[in-house]
Amino acid sequence: MEECKLICINCPLGCSLTVTLNGGEVVSVAGNTCPRGEAYGRKECTHPTRIVTGTVRITGGTLPVVSVKTSSDIPKEKMQECAAQLKTVVVSAPVHIGDVILENAAGCGVPVIATKNVERKQT
């Protein structure tokens, strides 16, 4: 048996979780005060995922970059690939919150969207 100790990040309580694994399979989750904690512990120990945030260069805008994030979580092991893709992206102003900046982050089928409005620079 193997134990994985985590702090749950699903709510402000920050429960200390102990996940017991047997051969990579979750046997039990202890320390959670709500069902979300159990689900988080199971997922984090078997298939961890993350939301990726960053910035993308923008041309012709009132700012040089626009903040972006994946619209949902992607596998943790794909984070660096996603970040590398974002370094190569350049968009033209205007950009609005929710605009799709990158269709398929790291081949995960998850779009990267803008999280800020950037207007076109007046000339």
PDB file of N, CA and C in Angstrom:
ATOM      1  N   MET A   1       0.841  -1.184   0.000  1.00  0.00           N
ATOM      2  CA  MET A   1       0.000   0.000   0.000  1.00  0.00           C
ATOM      3  C   MET A   1       0.887   1.248   0.000  1.00  0.00           C
ATOM      4  N   GLU A   2       0.404   2.249  -0.687  1.00  0.00           N
ATOM      5  CA  GLU A   2       1.117   3.519  -0.795  1.00  0.00           C
ATOM      6  C   GLU A   2       0.189   4.622  -0.322  1.00  0.00           C
ATOM      7  N   GLU A   3       0.744   5.629   0.352  1.00  0.00           N
ATOM      8  CA  GLU A   3      -0.060   6.774   0.801  1.00  0.00           C
ATOM      9  C   GLU A   3       0.410   8.045   0.116  1.00  0.00           C
ATOM     10  N   CYS A   4      -0.562   8.859  -0.252  1.00  0.00           N
ATOM     11  CA  CYS A   4      -0.297  10.148  -0.871  1.00  0.00           C
ATOM     12  C   CYS A   4      -0.955  11.206   0.006  1.00  0.00           C
ATOM     13  N   LYS A   5      -0.173  12.165   0.486  1.00  0.00           N
ATOM     14  CA  LYS A   5      -0.712  13.222   1.346  1.00  0.00           C
ATOM     15  C   LYS A   5      -0.875  14.489   0.516  1.00  0.00           C
ATOM     16  N   LEU A   6      -2.059  15.102   0.613  1.00  0.00           N
ATOM     17  CA  LEU A   6      -2.405  16.289  -0.183  1.00  0.00           C
ATOM     18  C   LEU A   6      -3.134  17.308   0.678  1.00  0.00           C
ATOM     19  N   ILE A   7      -3.157  18.534   0.219  1.00  0.00           N
ATOM     20  CA  ILE A   7      -4.037  19.560   0.762  1.00  0.00           C
ATOM     21  C   ILE A   7      -5.093  19.813  -0.309  1.00  0.00           C
ATOM     22  N   CYS A   8      -6.352  19.650   0.042  1.00  0.00           N
ATOM     23  CA  CYS A   8      -7.438  19.848  -0.918  1.00  0.00           C
ATOM     24  C   CYS A   8      -7.552  21.328  -1.273  1.00  0.00           C
ATOM     25  N   ILE A   9      -7.742  21.608  -2.557  1.00  0.00           N
ATOM     26  CA  ILE A   9      -7.855  22.992  -3.030  1.00  0.00           C
ATOM     27  C   ILE A   9      -9.243  23.305  -3.585  1.00  0.00           C
ATOM     28  N   ASN A  10     -10.218  22.443  -3.305  1.00  0.00           N
ATOM     29  CA  ASN A  10     -11.556  22.652  -3.863  1.00  0.00           C
ATOM     30  C   ASN A  10     -12.397  23.651  -3.111  1.00  0.00           C
ATOM     31  N   CYS A  11     -12.054  23.970  -1.886  1.00  0.00           N
ATOM     32  CA  CYS A  11     -12.794  24.986  -1.130  1.00  0.00           C
ATOM     33  C   CYS A  11     -11.841  25.628  -0.128  1.00  0.00           C
ATOM     34  N   PRO A  12     -12.248  26.673   0.560  1.00  0.00           N
ATOM     35  CA  PRO A  12     -11.353  27.382   1.484  1.00  0.00           C
ATOM     36  C   PRO A  12     -10.918  26.589   2.721  1.00  0.00           C
ATOM     37  N   LEU A  13     -11.536  25.460   3.004  1.00  0.00           N
ATOM     38  CA  LEU A  13     -11.159  24.701   4.202  1.00  0.00           C
ATOM     39  C   LEU A  13      -9.748  24.131   4.125  1.00  0.00           C
ATOM     40  N   GLY A  14      -9.286  23.738   2.955  1.00  0.00           N
ATOM     41  CA  GLY A  14      -7.936  23.208   2.796  1.00  0.00           C
ATOM     42  C   GLY A  14      -7.682  21.959   3.613  1.00  0.00           C
ATOM     43  N   CYS A  15      -8.563  20.991   3.497  1.00  0.00           N
ATOM     44  CA  CYS A  15      -8.448  19.743   4.268  1.00  0.00           C
ATOM     45  C   CYS A  15      -7.160  18.998   3.936  1.00  0.00           C
ATOM     46  N   SER A  16      -6.561  18.393   4.956  1.00  0.00           N
ATOM     47  CA  SER A  16      -5.393  17.522   4.773  1.00  0.00           C
ATOM     48  C   SER A  16      -5.895  16.133   4.403  1.00  0.00           C
ATOM     49  N   LEU A  17      -5.616  15.716   3.193  1.00  0.00           N
ATOM     50  CA  LEU A  17      -6.099  14.432   2.703  1.00  0.00           C
ATOM     51  C   LEU A  17      -5.002  13.380   2.749  1.00  0.00           C
ATOM     52  N   THR A  18      -5.394  12.174   3.033  1.00  0.00           N
ATOM     53  CA  THR A  18      -4.520  11.015   2.909  1.00  0.00           C
ATOM     54  C   THR A  18      -5.207  10.043   1.960  1.00  0.00           C
ATOM     55  N   VAL A  19      -4.572   9.823   0.826  1.00  0.00           N
ATOM     56  CA  VAL A  19      -5.114   8.920  -0.189  1.00  0.00           C
ATOM     57  C   VAL A  19      -4.290   7.640  -0.144  1.00  0.00           C
ATOM     58  N   THR A  20      -4.968   6.531   0.044  1.00  0.00           N
ATOM     59  CA  THR A  20      -4.302   5.233   0.073  1.00  0.00           C
ATOM     60  C   THR A  20      -4.495   4.563  -1.280  1.00  0.00           C
ATOM     61  N   LEU A  21      -3.367   4.114  -1.850  1.00  0.00           N
ATOM     62  CA  LEU A  21      -3.370   3.487  -3.169  1.00  0.00           C
ATOM     63  C   LEU A  21      -2.824   2.068  -3.064  1.00  0.00           C
ATOM     64  N   ASN A  22      -3.353   1.208  -3.902  1.00  0.00           N
ATOM     65  CA  ASN A  22      -2.851  -0.151  -4.009  1.00  0.00           C
ATOM     66  C   ASN A  22      -2.684  -0.441  -5.497  1.00  0.00           C
ATOM     67  N   GLY A  23      -1.431  -0.502  -5.935  1.00  0.00           N
ATOM     68  CA  GLY A  23      -1.176  -0.748  -7.353  1.00  0.00           C
ATOM     69  C   GLY A  23      -1.705   0.338  -8.259  1.00  0.00           C
ATOM     70  N   GLY A  24      -1.676   1.588  -7.810  1.00  0.00           N
ATOM     71  CA  GLY A  24      -2.164   2.697  -8.616  1.00  0.00           C
ATOM     72  C   GLY A  24      -3.658   2.925  -8.533  1.00  0.00           C
ATOM     73  N   GLU A  25      -4.365   2.065  -7.830  1.00  0.00           N
ATOM     74  CA  GLU A  25      -5.821   2.208  -7.654  1.00  0.00           C
ATOM     75  C   GLU A  25      -6.100   2.808  -6.281  1.00  0.00           C
ATOM     76  N   VAL A  26      -7.014   3.759  -6.206  1.00  0.00           N
ATOM     77  CA  VAL A  26      -7.373   4.387  -4.935  1.00  0.00           C
ATOM     78  C   VAL A  26      -8.197   3.409  -4.107  1.00  0.00           C
ATOM     79  N   VAL A  27      -7.722   3.156  -2.881  1.00  0.00           N
ATOM     80  CA  VAL A  27      -8.423   2.289  -1.945  1.00  0.00           C
ATOM     81  C   VAL A  27      -9.307   3.129  -1.028  1.00  0.00           C
ATOM     82  N   SER A  28      -8.762   4.288  -0.564  1.00  0.00           N
ATOM     83  CA  SER A  28      -9.538   5.145   0.322  1.00  0.00           C
ATOM     84  C   SER A  28      -8.995   6.562   0.305  1.00  0.00           C
ATOM     85  N   VAL A  29      -9.874   7.505   0.684  1.00  0.00           N
ATOM     86  CA  VAL A  29      -9.495   8.897   0.876  1.00  0.00           C
ATOM     87  C   VAL A  29      -9.963   9.284   2.268  1.00  0.00           C
ATOM     88  N   ALA A  30      -9.061   9.801   3.084  1.00  0.00           N
ATOM     89  CA  ALA A  30      -9.399  10.200   4.449  1.00  0.00           C
ATOM     90  C   ALA A  30      -9.020  11.660   4.678  1.00  0.00           C
ATOM     91  N   GLY A  31      -9.727  12.309   5.601  1.00  0.00           N
ATOM     92  CA  GLY A  31      -9.423  13.691   5.975  1.00  0.00           C
ATOM     93  C   GLY A  31     -10.305  14.729   5.325  1.00  0.00           C
ATOM     94  N   ASN A  32     -11.094  14.332   4.349  1.00  0.00           N
ATOM     95  CA  ASN A  32     -11.963  15.296   3.670  1.00  0.00           C
ATOM     96  C   ASN A  32     -13.226  15.546   4.496  1.00  0.00           C
ATOM     97  N   THR A  33     -13.741  16.779   4.410  1.00  0.00           N
ATOM     98  CA  THR A  33     -14.988  17.101   5.107  1.00  0.00           C
ATOM     99  C   THR A  33     -16.172  17.201   4.159  1.00  0.00           C
ATOM    100  N   CYS A  34     -15.906  17.052   2.855  1.00  0.00           N
ATOM    101  CA  CYS A  34     -17.009  17.089   1.884  1.00  0.00           C
ATOM    102  C   CYS A  34     -16.702  16.141   0.735  1.00  0.00           C
ATOM    103  N   PRO A  35     -17.703  15.795  -0.057  1.00  0.00           N
ATOM    104  CA  PRO A  35     -17.486  14.874  -1.191  1.00  0.00           C
ATOM    105  C   PRO A  35     -16.508  15.417  -2.237  1.00  0.00           C
ATOM    106  N   ARG A  36     -16.426  16.739  -2.363  1.00  0.00           N
ATOM    107  CA  ARG A  36     -15.495  17.310  -3.346  1.00  0.00           C
ATOM    108  C   ARG A  36     -14.053  16.967  -2.997  1.00  0.00           C
ATOM    109  N   GLY A  37     -13.754  16.904  -1.696  1.00  0.00           N
ATOM    110  CA  GLY A  37     -12.409  16.547  -1.255  1.00  0.00           C
ATOM    111  C   GLY A  37     -12.044  15.139  -1.653  1.00  0.00           C
ATOM    112  N   GLU A  38     -12.986  14.228  -1.506  1.00  0.00           N
ATOM    113  CA  GLU A  38     -12.721  12.846  -1.906  1.00  0.00           C
ATOM    114  C   GLU A  38     -12.477  12.767  -3.411  1.00  0.00           C
ATOM    115  N   ALA A  39     -13.310  13.441  -4.191  1.00  0.00           N
ATOM    116  CA  ALA A  39     -13.147  13.423  -5.653  1.00  0.00           C
ATOM    117  C   ALA A  39     -11.804  14.034  -6.048  1.00  0.00           C
ATOM    118  N   TYR A  40     -11.425  15.143  -5.393  1.00  0.00           N
ATOM    119  CA  TYR A  40     -10.138  15.785  -5.686  1.00  0.00           C
ATOM    120  C   TYR A  40      -8.982  14.837  -5.388  1.00  0.00           C
ATOM    121  N   GLY A  41      -9.003  14.201  -4.219  1.00  0.00           N
ATOM    122  CA  GLY A  41      -7.938  13.286  -3.835  1.00  0.00           C
ATOM    123  C   GLY A  41      -7.787  12.137  -4.817  1.00  0.00           C
ATOM    124  N   ARG A  42      -8.904  11.556  -5.211  1.00  0.00           N
ATOM    125  CA  ARG A  42      -8.866  10.446  -6.176  1.00  0.00           C
ATOM    126  C   ARG A  42      -8.260  10.893  -7.505  1.00  0.00           C
ATOM    127  N   LYS A  43      -8.740  12.023  -8.009  1.00  0.00           N
ATOM    128  CA  LYS A  43      -8.276  12.510  -9.304  1.00  0.00           C
ATOM    129  C   LYS A  43      -6.809  12.943  -9.252  1.00  0.00           C
ATOM    130  N   GLU A  44      -6.424  13.638  -8.198  1.00  0.00           N
ATOM    131  CA  GLU A  44      -5.056  14.156  -8.094  1.00  0.00           C
ATOM    132  C   GLU A  44      -4.026  13.035  -8.024  1.00  0.00           C
ATOM    133  N   CYS A  45      -4.382  11.920  -7.427  1.00  0.00           N
ATOM    134  CA  CYS A  45      -3.430  10.805  -7.294  1.00  0.00           C
ATOM    135  C   CYS A  45      -3.431   9.858  -8.487  1.00  0.00           C
ATOM    136  N   THR A  46      -4.448   9.910  -9.320  1.00  0.00           N
ATOM    137  CA  THR A  46      -4.509   8.990 -10.450  1.00  0.00           C
ATOM    138  C   THR A  46      -4.393   9.680 -11.809  1.00  0.00           C
ATOM    139  N   HIS A  47      -4.925  10.891 -11.932  1.00  0.00           N
ATOM    140  CA  HIS A  47      -4.894  11.615 -13.201  1.00  0.00           C
ATOM    141  C   HIS A  47      -4.937  13.118 -12.920  1.00  0.00           C
ATOM    142  N   PRO A  48      -3.813  13.696 -12.461  1.00  0.00           N
ATOM    143  CA  PRO A  48      -3.806  15.120 -12.115  1.00  0.00           C
ATOM    144  C   PRO A  48      -3.987  16.018 -13.340  1.00  0.00           C
ATOM    145  N   THR A  49      -4.766  17.067 -13.176  1.00  0.00           N
ATOM    146  CA  THR A  49      -5.010  18.035 -14.244  1.00  0.00           C
ATOM    147  C   THR A  49      -4.834  19.441 -13.688  1.00  0.00           C
ATOM    148  N   ARG A  50      -4.645  20.392 -14.588  1.00  0.00           N
ATOM    149  CA  ARG A  50      -4.468  21.788 -14.194  1.00  0.00           C
ATOM    150  C   ARG A  50      -5.089  22.713 -15.237  1.00  0.00           C
ATOM    151  N   ILE A  51      -5.496  23.904 -14.775  1.00  0.00           N
ATOM    152  CA  ILE A  51      -5.826  25.016 -15.667  1.00  0.00           C
ATOM    153  C   ILE A  51      -4.505  25.727 -15.939  1.00  0.00           C
ATOM    154  N   VAL A  52      -4.217  26.040 -17.187  1.00  0.00           N
ATOM    155  CA  VAL A  52      -2.988  26.746 -17.545  1.00  0.00           C
ATOM    156  C   VAL A  52      -3.334  28.202 -17.814  1.00  0.00           C
ATOM    157  N   THR A  53      -2.586  29.104 -17.198  1.00  0.00           N
ATOM    158  CA  THR A  53      -2.757  30.535 -17.443  1.00  0.00           C
ATOM    159  C   THR A  53      -1.469  31.087 -18.035  1.00  0.00           C
ATOM    160  N   GLY A  54      -1.586  32.184 -18.731  1.00  0.00           N
ATOM    161  CA  GLY A  54      -0.401  32.806 -19.312  1.00  0.00           C
ATOM    162  C   GLY A  54      -0.768  34.072 -20.052  1.00  0.00           C
ATOM    163  N   THR A  55       0.145  34.511 -20.890  1.00  0.00           N
ATOM    164  CA  THR A  55      -0.098  35.682 -21.734  1.00  0.00           C
ATOM    165  C   THR A  55       0.312  35.353 -23.162  1.00  0.00           C
ATOM    166  N   VAL A  56      -0.290  36.076 -24.094  1.00  0.00           N
ATOM    167  CA  VAL A  56       0.001  35.931 -25.520  1.00  0.00           C
ATOM    168  C   VAL A  56       0.282  37.319 -26.072  1.00  0.00           C
ATOM    169  N   ARG A  57       1.263  37.401 -26.944  1.00  0.00           N
ATOM    170  CA  ARG A  57       1.585  38.692 -27.562  1.00  0.00           C
ATOM    171  C   ARG A  57       0.431  39.172 -28.437  1.00  0.00           C
ATOM    172  N   ILE A  58       0.303  40.490 -28.498  1.00  0.00           N
ATOM    173  CA  ILE A  58      -0.776  41.090 -29.283  1.00  0.00           C
ATOM    174  C   ILE A  58      -0.202  42.241 -30.107  1.00  0.00           C
ATOM    175  N   THR A  59      -0.628  42.354 -31.365  1.00  0.00           N
ATOM    176  CA  THR A  59      -0.170  43.454 -32.215  1.00  0.00           C
ATOM    177  C   THR A  59      -1.307  44.446 -32.399  1.00  0.00           C
ATOM    178  N   GLY A  60      -0.925  45.716 -32.465  1.00  0.00           N
ATOM    179  CA  GLY A  60      -1.906  46.770 -32.707  1.00  0.00           C
ATOM    180  C   GLY A  60      -2.833  47.031 -31.548  1.00  0.00           C
ATOM    181  N   GLY A  61      -2.464  46.595 -30.358  1.00  0.00           N
ATOM    182  CA  GLY A  61      -3.333  46.769 -29.204  1.00  0.00           C
ATOM    183  C   GLY A  61      -2.857  47.841 -28.252  1.00  0.00           C
ATOM    184  N   THR A  62      -3.718  48.200 -27.320  1.00  0.00           N
ATOM    185  CA  THR A  62      -3.369  49.180 -26.291  1.00  0.00           C
ATOM    186  C   THR A  62      -2.442  48.570 -25.235  1.00  0.00           C
ATOM    187  N   LEU A  63      -2.281  47.255 -25.257  1.00  0.00           N
ATOM    188  CA  LEU A  63      -1.347  46.541 -24.389  1.00  0.00           C
ATOM    189  C   LEU A  63      -0.505  45.600 -25.251  1.00  0.00           C
ATOM    190  N   PRO A  64       0.700  45.252 -24.801  1.00  0.00           N
ATOM    191  CA  PRO A  64       1.546  44.366 -25.610  1.00  0.00           C
ATOM    192  C   PRO A  64       1.172  42.883 -25.511  1.00  0.00           C
ATOM    193  N   VAL A  65       0.423  42.509 -24.468  1.00  0.00           N
ATOM    194  CA  VAL A  65       0.017  41.119 -24.280  1.00  0.00           C
ATOM    195  C   VAL A  65      -1.424  41.067 -23.787  1.00  0.00           C
ATOM    196  N   VAL A  66      -2.030  39.893 -23.936  1.00  0.00           N
ATOM    197  CA  VAL A  66      -3.367  39.650 -23.397  1.00  0.00           C
ATOM    198  C   VAL A  66      -3.283  38.407 -22.519  1.00  0.00           C
ATOM    199  N   SER A  67      -3.947  38.422 -21.370  1.00  0.00           N
ATOM    200  CA  SER A  67      -3.959  37.262 -20.486  1.00  0.00           C
ATOM    201  C   SER A  67      -4.893  36.193 -21.049  1.00  0.00           C
ATOM    202  N   VAL A  68      -4.485  34.931 -20.867  1.00  0.00           N
ATOM    203  CA  VAL A  68      -5.241  33.802 -21.400  1.00  0.00           C
ATOM    204  C   VAL A  68      -5.258  32.662 -20.379  1.00  0.00           C
ATOM    205  N   LYS A  69      -6.180  31.706 -20.603  1.00  0.00           N
ATOM    206  CA  LYS A  69      -6.218  30.495 -19.792  1.00  0.00           C
ATOM    207  C   LYS A  69      -6.883  29.395 -20.596  1.00  0.00           C
ATOM    208  N   THR A  70      -6.617  28.154 -20.202  1.00  0.00           N
ATOM    209  CA  THR A  70      -7.328  27.047 -20.829  1.00  0.00           C
ATOM    210  C   THR A  70      -8.772  27.105 -20.346  1.00  0.00           C
ATOM    211  N   SER A  71      -9.715  26.778 -21.204  1.00  0.00           N
ATOM    212  CA  SER A  71     -11.124  26.877 -20.825  1.00  0.00           C
ATOM    213  C   SER A  71     -11.531  25.805 -19.826  1.00  0.00           C
ATOM    214  N   SER A  72     -10.746  24.743 -19.730  1.00  0.00           N
ATOM    215  CA  SER A  72     -10.938  23.720 -18.702  1.00  0.00           C
ATOM    216  C   SER A  72      -9.572  23.118 -18.405  1.00  0.00           C
ATOM    217  N   ASP A  73      -9.532  22.185 -17.475  1.00  0.00           N
ATOM    218  CA  ASP A  73      -8.244  21.625 -17.093  1.00  0.00           C
ATOM    219  C   ASP A  73      -7.722  20.648 -18.147  1.00  0.00           C
ATOM    220  N   ILE A  74      -6.381  20.555 -18.183  1.00  0.00           N
ATOM    221  CA  ILE A  74      -5.709  19.635 -19.091  1.00  0.00           C
ATOM    222  C   ILE A  74      -4.806  18.729 -18.250  1.00  0.00           C
ATOM    223  N   PRO A  75      -4.372  17.590 -18.792  1.00  0.00           N
ATOM    224  CA  PRO A  75      -3.469  16.730 -18.033  1.00  0.00           C
ATOM    225  C   PRO A  75      -2.210  17.487 -17.599  1.00  0.00           C
ATOM    226  N   LYS A  76      -1.801  17.279 -16.365  1.00  0.00           N
ATOM    227  CA  LYS A  76      -0.656  17.982 -15.803  1.00  0.00           C
ATOM    228  C   LYS A  76       0.593  17.815 -16.664  1.00  0.00           C
ATOM    229  N   GLU A  77       0.773  16.636 -17.251  1.00  0.00           N
ATOM    230  CA  GLU A  77       1.969  16.396 -18.054  1.00  0.00           C
ATOM    231  C   GLU A  77       1.965  17.173 -19.375  1.00  0.00           C
ATOM    232  N   LYS A  78       0.857  17.806 -19.730  1.00  0.00           N
ATOM    233  CA  LYS A  78       0.764  18.593 -20.964  1.00  0.00           C
ATOM    234  C   LYS A  78       0.965  20.092 -20.730  1.00  0.00           C
ATOM    235  N   MET A  79       1.177  20.492 -19.479  1.00  0.00           N
ATOM    236  CA  MET A  79       1.299  21.915 -19.163  1.00  0.00           C
ATOM    237  C   MET A  79       2.450  22.599 -19.900  1.00  0.00           C
ATOM    238  N   GLN A  80       3.635  21.987 -19.895  1.00  0.00           N
ATOM    239  CA  GLN A  80       4.789  22.604 -20.550  1.00  0.00           C
ATOM    240  C   GLN A  80       4.581  22.723 -22.058  1.00  0.00           C
ATOM    241  N   GLU A  81       3.984  21.719 -22.644  1.00  0.00           N
ATOM    242  CA  GLU A  81       3.707  21.766 -24.082  1.00  0.00           C
ATOM    243  C   GLU A  81       2.741  22.908 -24.397  1.00  0.00           C
ATOM    244  N   CYS A  82       1.727  23.071 -23.571  1.00  0.00           N
ATOM    245  CA  CYS A  82       0.768  24.158 -23.759  1.00  0.00           C
ATOM    246  C   CYS A  82       1.464  25.517 -23.632  1.00  0.00           C
ATOM    247  N   ALA A  83       2.293  25.672 -22.606  1.00  0.00           N
ATOM    248  CA  ALA A  83       3.019  26.932 -22.408  1.00  0.00           C
ATOM    249  C   ALA A  83       3.936  27.227 -23.588  1.00  0.00           C
ATOM    250  N   ALA A  84       4.595  26.204 -24.111  1.00  0.00           N
ATOM    251  CA  ALA A  84       5.469  26.392 -25.271  1.00  0.00           C
ATOM    252  C   ALA A  84       4.663  26.843 -26.488  1.00  0.00           C
ATOM    253  N   GLN A  85       3.480  26.283 -26.677  1.00  0.00           N
ATOM    254  CA  GLN A  85       2.623  26.704 -27.786  1.00  0.00           C
ATOM    255  C   GLN A  85       2.240  28.172 -27.636  1.00  0.00           C
ATOM    256  N   LEU A  86       1.884  28.577 -26.412  1.00  0.00           N
ATOM    257  CA  LEU A  86       1.450  29.959 -26.187  1.00  0.00           C
ATOM    258  C   LEU A  86       2.562  30.964 -26.496  1.00  0.00           C
ATOM    259  N   LYS A  87       3.816  30.574 -26.312  1.00  0.00           N
ATOM    260  CA  LYS A  87       4.943  31.468 -26.605  1.00  0.00           C
ATOM    261  C   LYS A  87       5.008  31.820 -28.084  1.00  0.00           C
ATOM    262  N   THR A  88       4.452  30.969 -28.949  1.00  0.00           N
ATOM    263  CA  THR A  88       4.542  31.191 -30.388  1.00  0.00           C
ATOM    264  C   THR A  88       3.335  31.931 -30.953  1.00  0.00           C
ATOM    265  N   VAL A  89       2.307  32.125 -30.137  1.00  0.00           N
ATOM    266  CA  VAL A  89       1.062  32.723 -30.628  1.00  0.00           C
ATOM    267  C   VAL A  89       1.148  34.248 -30.575  1.00  0.00           C
ATOM    268  N   VAL A  90       0.713  34.894 -31.662  1.00  0.00           N
ATOM    269  CA  VAL A  90       0.576  36.350 -31.725  1.00  0.00           C
ATOM    270  C   VAL A  90      -0.803  36.624 -32.301  1.00  0.00           C
ATOM    271  N   VAL A  91      -1.586  37.470 -31.627  1.00  0.00           N
ATOM    272  CA  VAL A  91      -2.920  37.815 -32.103  1.00  0.00           C
ATOM    273  C   VAL A  91      -2.987  39.306 -32.400  1.00  0.00           C
ATOM    274  N   SER A  92      -3.970  39.694 -33.181  1.00  0.00           N
ATOM    275  CA  SER A  92      -4.184  41.096 -33.522  1.00  0.00           C
ATOM    276  C   SER A  92      -5.335  41.660 -32.705  1.00  0.00           C
ATOM    277  N   ALA A  93      -5.182  42.901 -32.278  1.00  0.00           N
ATOM    278  CA  ALA A  93      -6.246  43.588 -31.536  1.00  0.00           C
ATOM    279  C   ALA A  93      -7.368  43.931 -32.507  1.00  0.00           C
ATOM    280  N   PRO A  94      -8.589  44.024 -32.044  1.00  0.00           N
ATOM    281  CA  PRO A  94      -9.036  43.893 -30.663  1.00  0.00           C
ATOM    282  C   PRO A  94      -9.249  42.430 -30.261  1.00  0.00           C
ATOM    283  N   VAL A  95      -9.132  42.190 -28.963  1.00  0.00           N
ATOM    284  CA  VAL A  95      -9.381  40.876 -28.379  1.00  0.00           C
ATOM    285  C   VAL A  95     -10.371  41.069 -27.242  1.00  0.00           C
ATOM    286  N   HIS A  96     -11.326  40.157 -27.125  1.00  0.00           N
ATOM    287  CA  HIS A  96     -12.346  40.266 -26.081  1.00  0.00           C
ATOM    288  C   HIS A  96     -12.355  39.027 -25.192  1.00  0.00           C
ATOM    289  N   ILE A  97     -12.759  39.218 -23.960  1.00  0.00           N
ATOM    290  CA  ILE A  97     -12.850  38.111 -23.013  1.00  0.00           C
ATOM    291  C   ILE A  97     -13.652  36.975 -23.651  1.00  0.00           C
ATOM    292  N   GLY A  98     -13.100  35.776 -23.592  1.00  0.00           N
ATOM    293  CA  GLY A  98     -13.781  34.604 -24.136  1.00  0.00           C
ATOM    294  C   GLY A  98     -13.390  34.264 -25.563  1.00  0.00           C
ATOM    295  N   ASP A  99     -12.698  35.188 -26.258  1.00  0.00           N
ATOM    296  CA  ASP A  99     -12.236  34.877 -27.615  1.00  0.00           C
ATOM    297  C   ASP A  99     -11.303  33.675 -27.565  1.00  0.00           C
ATOM    298  N   VAL A 100     -11.448  32.762 -28.508  1.00  0.00           N
ATOM    299  CA  VAL A 100     -10.552  31.615 -28.586  1.00  0.00           C
ATOM    300  C   VAL A 100      -9.230  32.074 -29.206  1.00  0.00           C
ATOM    301  N   ILE A 101      -8.156  31.873 -28.465  1.00  0.00           N
ATOM    302  CA  ILE A 101      -6.824  32.297 -28.896  1.00  0.00           C
ATOM    303  C   ILE A 101      -6.065  31.128 -29.516  1.00  0.00           C
ATOM    304  N   LEU A 102      -6.267  29.931 -28.981  1.00  0.00           N
ATOM    305  CA  LEU A 102      -5.640  28.715 -29.476  1.00  0.00           C
ATOM    306  C   LEU A 102      -6.684  27.612 -29.403  1.00  0.00           C
ATOM    307  N   GLU A 103      -6.959  26.961 -30.522  1.00  0.00           N
ATOM    308  CA  GLU A 103      -8.051  25.984 -30.609  1.00  0.00           C
ATOM    309  C   GLU A 103      -7.844  24.726 -29.772  1.00  0.00           C
ATOM    310  N   ASN A 104      -6.643  24.176 -29.790  1.00  0.00           N
ATOM    311  CA  ASN A 104      -6.424  22.841 -29.261  1.00  0.00           C
ATOM    312  C   ASN A 104      -5.133  22.808 -28.447  1.00  0.00           C
ATOM    313  N   ALA A 105      -5.200  23.206 -27.197  1.00  0.00           N
ATOM    314  CA  ALA A 105      -4.006  23.310 -26.354  1.00  0.00           C
ATOM    315  C   ALA A 105      -3.338  21.957 -26.180  1.00  0.00           C
ATOM    316  N   ALA A 106      -2.096  21.851 -26.617  1.00  0.00           N
ATOM    317  CA  ALA A 106      -1.257  20.655 -26.443  1.00  0.00           C
ATOM    318  C   ALA A 106      -1.950  19.378 -26.925  1.00  0.00           C
ATOM    319  N   GLY A 107      -2.815  19.504 -27.918  1.00  0.00           N
ATOM    320  CA  GLY A 107      -3.499  18.338 -28.465  1.00  0.00           C
ATOM    321  C   GLY A 107      -4.525  17.725 -27.530  1.00  0.00           C
ATOM    322  N   CYS A 108      -4.973  18.499 -26.546  1.00  0.00           N
ATOM    323  CA  CYS A 108      -5.926  17.985 -25.548  1.00  0.00           C
ATOM    324  C   CYS A 108      -7.378  18.243 -25.922  1.00  0.00           C
ATOM    325  N   GLY A 109      -7.603  18.990 -27.008  1.00  0.00           N
ATOM    326  CA  GLY A 109      -8.971  19.316 -27.397  1.00  0.00           C
ATOM    327  C   GLY A 109      -9.579  20.436 -26.588  1.00  0.00           C
ATOM    328  N   VAL A 110      -8.768  21.136 -25.810  1.00  0.00           N
ATOM    329  CA  VAL A 110      -9.241  22.224 -24.945  1.00  0.00           C
ATOM    330  C   VAL A 110      -8.765  23.552 -25.532  1.00  0.00           C
ATOM    331  N   PRO A 111      -9.680  24.503 -25.753  1.00  0.00           N
ATOM    332  CA  PRO A 111      -9.245  25.802 -26.271  1.00  0.00           C
ATOM    333  C   PRO A 111      -8.629  26.682 -25.184  1.00  0.00           C
ATOM    334  N   VAL A 112      -7.767  27.589 -25.621  1.00  0.00           N
ATOM    335  CA  VAL A 112      -7.225  28.639 -24.760  1.00  0.00           C
ATOM    336  C   VAL A 112      -7.994  29.903 -25.100  1.00  0.00           C
ATOM    337  N   ILE A 113      -8.510  30.580 -24.066  1.00  0.00           N
ATOM    338  CA  ILE A 113      -9.352  31.759 -24.288  1.00  0.00           C
ATOM    339  C   ILE A 113      -8.739  33.001 -23.631  1.00  0.00           C
ATOM    340  N   ALA A 114      -9.117  34.162 -24.156  1.00  0.00           N
ATOM    341  CA  ALA A 114      -8.684  35.436 -23.582  1.00  0.00           C
ATOM    342  C   ALA A 114      -9.443  35.699 -22.286  1.00  0.00           C
ATOM    343  N   THR A 115      -8.752  36.278 -21.318  1.00  0.00           N
ATOM    344  CA  THR A 115      -9.381  36.607 -20.034  1.00  0.00           C
ATOM    345  C   THR A 115      -9.421  38.112 -19.797  1.00  0.00           C
ATOM    346  N   LYS A 116      -9.112  38.881 -20.834  1.00  0.00           N
ATOM    347  CA  LYS A 116      -9.102  40.342 -20.722  1.00  0.00           C
ATOM    348  C   LYS A 116      -9.451  40.939 -22.078  1.00  0.00           C
ATOM    349  N   ASN A 117     -10.054  42.097 -22.058  1.00  0.00           N
ATOM    350  CA  ASN A 117     -10.306  42.851 -23.286  1.00  0.00           C
ATOM    351  C   ASN A 117      -9.080  43.707 -23.594  1.00  0.00           C
ATOM    352  N   VAL A 118      -8.653  43.699 -24.848  1.00  0.00           N
ATOM    353  CA  VAL A 118      -7.590  44.603 -25.299  1.00  0.00           C
ATOM    354  C   VAL A 118      -8.101  45.242 -26.580  1.00  0.00           C
ATOM    355  N   GLU A 119      -8.242  46.549 -26.523  1.00  0.00           N
ATOM    356  CA  GLU A 119      -8.755  47.287 -27.681  1.00  0.00           C
ATOM    357  C   GLU A 119      -7.644  47.605 -28.671  1.00  0.00           C
ATOM    358  N   ARG A 120      -8.054  47.980 -29.860  1.00  0.00           N
ATOM    359  CA  ARG A 120      -7.107  48.376 -30.903  1.00  0.00           C
ATOM    360  C   ARG A 120      -6.562  49.772 -30.567  1.00  0.00           C
ATOM    361  N   LYS A 121      -5.256  49.917 -30.775  1.00  0.00           N
ATOM    362  CA  LYS A 121      -4.603  51.193 -30.509  1.00  0.00           C
ATOM    363  C   LYS A 121      -5.068  52.213 -31.550  1.00  0.00           C
ATOM    364  N   GLN A 122      -5.433  53.394 -31.092  1.00  0.00           N
ATOM    365  CA  GLN A 122      -5.858  54.470 -31.992  1.00  0.00           C
ATOM    366  C   GLN A 122      -4.621  55.110 -32.609  1.00  0.00           C
ATOM    367  N   THR A 123      -4.653  55.286 -33.912  1.00  0.00           N
ATOM    368  CA  THR A 123      -3.483  55.888 -34.592  1.00  0.00           C
ATOM    369  C   THR A 123      -3.747  57.301 -35.003  1.00  0.00           C
TER     370      THR A 123
END
